[in-house]
Amino acid sequence: MNQHLTLSPAVKEALESGRPVIALESTIISHGMPYPQNVETSLMCEQIARENGAEPATIAVIGGQLCAGLTQEQITYFGKKGQAVRKASRRDLPVMVARGEDGATTVAATMIIAAMAGIQIFATGGVGGVHRGAEKTMDISADLEELAQTPVAVVCAGAKSILDLGLTLEYLETKGVPVIGYQTDELPAFYTRQSGFKVNDRADSPEELAAIIRAQRALAFPGSMLITNPIPQEHALPKEMIDSVISSALREAEARGVTGKEVTPYLLAKVVEITQGQSLKANIQLVYNNVKLAAQIACHLKG
């Protein structure tokens, strides 16, 4: 095991005994939601994973150690510190390890640490992607490069709807990353079930998804697979409403000069404000839905 990697006792025991384990990220705790909803959501995600047969491994950097599996106290610490915790992507990990710093892991960093630990599947809310206006800014999430090179399947509700979804799909196609719709032919758009863009394939059961992951590994293909799981219909927001809200939030971010890694948390917070909390409720429900599916897939991977 890597000297900089620490497994919680529960995650270590599950991996050693061959039981299903799924990875969960910590940026959703520190940067994705306000306190205390962030802590409540994280703990509920762990409960949902266990109820569906998998051990949850919430991942973060603590004191320079790459941790797979957090205590309730550690989750609460990240929730209370919020955006004061450094956001950790691939480029940040060596610095944090050398300096003994804390970091909340993005999709990319969570995938790296999960792969180190031997965890095959990861549940998140939405992945990063190509930002709107990227032809000028070159603002493309490191998540996409990680999906192309790290063998951890990712279950999400599509790419965040604040992004350019068409270009995100094009980028993933170029990198050879399969984008599989769970019981859908259309890419979900985080808060909504429709985006207007097609995925490259679909699967209709967790067992079928597990078989596709096993085939990808057996073929020795590098990289991941993006499993897109639409938000449940009863929690979805109307597409026209969310498109209007995001356009307004993007204009405000541009006017305020918000750039780089600050764009996503700024936009998500602004969307929560404009929708008077409706988007936060949707965000929480789609995460729960993804954790449930990831745990079911993990069980079939071990079956």
Foldseek 3Di string as FASTA:
>chain_A
DDPQEDEDPVLVVCVVVLWFEAEEFLLCQQQVDAPPVSLVLVVVLQVLLVVLGYGYFYWWQAQLGTYTHDDSVVSVVSNVCRPVAAADAPVCNVVCNVRRGIHTYALRRRLVNCLVSVHAEYEYEAHFAAAPVCVPVVFGDCNLVSQLAGRHAYEYQYHALNGDRVVRQVSNVVSVAAEEEAVDQARGHRLGGHDPHGGPYYDHALLVVLVVSVVCVVVVRGGYHYYHYHQPPVLHDDPVVLVVQSVVQVVVCVVVVPDDPRSVSSSSVSSCVVVVNSSVSSSSRRSSVRSNSRSNNSNSNSD
